[in-house]
Amino acid sequence: MTIALIAHDTKKELMVQFCIAYCGILSRYNLVSTGTTGKTVSEATGLEITRFLSGPQGGAQQIASRIGCNEIDLLLLFRDPLTPKSSEPDENALLRLCDVHNIPVATNIATAEMLIHGLERGDLDWREIVKNN
């Protein structure tokens, strides 16, 4: 299973704290990330993370392309809803792709914790459910 990590600048520290708290669970999975988020999280946690370009340079689009190829299974996208971003169209496209491909998404820490606990319990085997219906 591959988990993608993306965080706006104002949410990077929150992503780091989340990854520190759930390092034991996250370490069992393949992690990918936009450049700066991946660097920050990796340095703070020691987690092995495949880093793409930074968000403004196309990192979110690289992750979106992998979602389209069914190479991403879960997306943690910690966004700052109060600060307008020039990358919003890219993020909207990313979220739309997650809907199309049934990829669970967390855009805040509360939802991320629900998903990570679901992973830990083994509740998130949605690909088998979709395939069997």
Protein backbone atom coordinates (compact mmCIF):
# COMPACT_ATOMS: atom_id res chain seq x y z
CA MET A 1 0.00 0.00 0.00
CA THR A 2 1.24 3.46 -0.90
CA ILE A 3 0.34 6.57 1.10
CA ALA A 4 0.87 10.05 -0.36
CA LEU A 5 1.68 13.00 1.93
CA ILE A 6 1.12 16.64 0.97
CA ALA A 7 0.98 19.65 3.31
CA HIS A 8 0.62 23.36 2.72
CA ASP A 9 3.38 25.44 4.27
CA THR A 10 1.24 26.42 7.28
CA LYS A 11 0.39 22.73 7.86
CA LYS A 12 3.83 21.17 7.46
CA GLU A 13 4.53 21.17 11.20
CA LEU A 14 1.16 19.51 11.80
CA MET A 15 2.07 16.84 9.23
CA VAL A 16 5.40 16.31 10.98
CA GLN A 17 3.68 15.92 14.36
CA PHE A 18 1.13 13.53 12.85
CA CYS A 19 3.88 11.41 11.28
CA ILE A 20 5.85 11.37 14.54
CA ALA A 21 2.75 10.20 16.41
CA TYR A 22 1.96 7.47 13.88
CA CYS A 23 5.49 6.62 12.76
CA GLY A 24 5.08 2.97 13.77
CA ILE A 25 2.07 2.54 11.51
CA LEU A 26 3.36 4.66 8.62
CA SER A 27 6.69 2.80 8.56
CA ARG A 28 4.85 -0.34 7.37
CA TYR A 29 3.78 1.35 4.14
CA ASN A 30 5.35 2.84 1.06
CA LEU A 31 5.32 6.63 1.49
CA VAL A 32 5.50 9.22 -1.27
CA SER A 33 5.32 12.97 -0.94
CA THR A 34 5.76 16.34 -2.53
CA GLY A 35 9.34 17.55 -2.17
CA THR A 36 9.39 19.91 0.79
CA THR A 37 6.81 17.99 2.81
CA GLY A 38 8.72 14.76 2.28
CA LYS A 39 12.03 16.32 3.25
CA THR A 40 10.60 17.89 6.40
CA VAL A 41 8.81 14.71 7.52
CA SER A 42 11.74 12.44 6.70
CA GLU A 43 14.23 14.59 8.62
CA ALA A 44 11.95 14.71 11.67
CA THR A 45 10.91 11.05 11.71
CA GLY A 46 13.52 9.03 9.86
CA LEU A 47 10.73 7.59 7.69
CA GLU A 48 11.78 6.54 4.20
CA ILE A 49 9.81 8.70 1.75
CA THR A 50 10.00 8.88 -2.03
CA ARG A 51 9.97 12.58 -2.83
CA PHE A 52 8.60 14.16 -5.96
CA LEU A 53 8.89 17.80 -6.96
CA SER A 54 7.68 20.45 -4.55
CA GLY A 55 3.99 21.29 -4.88
CA PRO A 56 4.40 24.54 -6.87
CA GLN A 57 6.82 22.81 -9.25
CA GLY A 58 4.36 20.00 -10.09
CA GLY A 59 4.68 17.54 -7.21
CA ALA A 60 0.90 17.38 -6.67
CA GLN A 61 0.49 16.67 -10.38
CA GLN A 62 3.03 13.85 -10.16
CA ILE A 63 1.03 12.34 -7.31
CA ALA A 64 -2.20 12.85 -9.29
CA SER A 65 -0.73 10.93 -12.21
CA ARG A 66 0.08 8.02 -9.91
CA ILE A 67 -3.46 8.09 -8.54
CA GLY A 68 -4.68 7.81 -12.14
CA CYS A 69 -2.46 4.74 -12.57
CA ASN A 70 -3.73 3.16 -9.31
CA GLU A 71 -0.33 3.50 -7.63
CA ILE A 72 -1.58 5.52 -4.63
CA ASP A 73 -3.92 3.96 -2.07
CA LEU A 74 -4.43 6.79 0.42
CA LEU A 75 -3.84 10.55 0.37
CA LEU A 76 -3.12 12.77 3.36
CA LEU A 77 -3.42 16.35 2.12
CA PHE A 78 -3.20 18.79 5.03
CA ARG A 79 -4.44 22.04 3.55
CA ASP A 80 -4.83 25.55 4.84
CA PRO A 81 -8.45 26.43 4.02
CA LEU A 82 -8.05 30.06 5.09
CA THR A 83 -5.27 31.07 2.71
CA PRO A 84 -6.01 31.13 -1.03
CA LYS A 85 -3.46 29.18 -3.06
CA SER A 86 -2.50 29.46 -6.70
CA SER A 87 -2.31 25.64 -6.68
CA GLU A 88 -6.03 25.21 -5.85
CA PRO A 89 -6.95 24.05 -9.38
CA ASP A 90 -4.28 21.32 -9.13
CA GLU A 91 -5.56 20.27 -5.71
CA ASN A 92 -9.15 20.19 -6.93
CA ALA A 93 -8.08 17.94 -9.79
CA LEU A 94 -6.21 15.75 -7.30
CA LEU A 95 -9.29 15.43 -5.09
CA ARG A 96 -11.48 14.70 -8.12
CA LEU A 97 -9.13 11.88 -9.16
CA CYS A 98 -9.34 10.44 -5.65
CA ASP A 99 -13.14 10.41 -5.98
CA VAL A 100 -12.96 8.76 -9.41
CA HIS A 101 -10.54 6.06 -8.20
CA ASN A 102 -12.05 5.54 -4.72
CA ILE A 103 -8.94 6.74 -2.89
CA PRO A 104 -9.52 7.69 0.75
CA VAL A 105 -8.45 11.30 1.42
CA ALA A 106 -7.84 13.26 4.60
CA THR A 107 -7.59 17.02 4.32
CA ASN A 108 -7.31 17.58 8.06
CA ILE A 109 -5.82 15.84 11.07
CA ALA A 110 -9.14 14.54 12.43
CA THR A 111 -9.87 12.61 9.23
CA ALA A 112 -6.24 11.51 8.93
CA GLU A 113 -6.40 9.96 12.40
CA MET A 114 -9.61 8.11 11.48
CA LEU A 115 -7.94 6.70 8.36
CA ILE A 116 -4.71 5.75 10.11
CA HIS A 117 -6.63 3.92 12.85
CA GLY A 118 -8.63 2.16 10.14
CA LEU A 119 -5.37 1.07 8.51
CA GLU A 120 -4.08 -0.21 11.82
CA ARG A 121 -7.25 -2.26 12.39
CA GLY A 122 -7.30 -3.55 8.81
CA ASP A 123 -10.61 -1.85 8.02
CA LEU A 124 -9.45 -0.18 4.81
CA ASP A 125 -9.46 -3.03 2.33
CA TRP A 126 -11.72 -1.03 -0.01
CA ARG A 127 -10.07 -2.24 -3.21
CA GLU A 128 -11.35 -5.77 -2.52
CA ILE A 129 -14.82 -4.43 -1.73
CA VAL A 130 -14.95 -2.40 -4.97
CA LYS A 131 -13.58 -5.32 -7.01
CA ASN A 132 -16.19 -7.74 -5.60
CA ASN A 133 -19.22 -5.46 -6.21
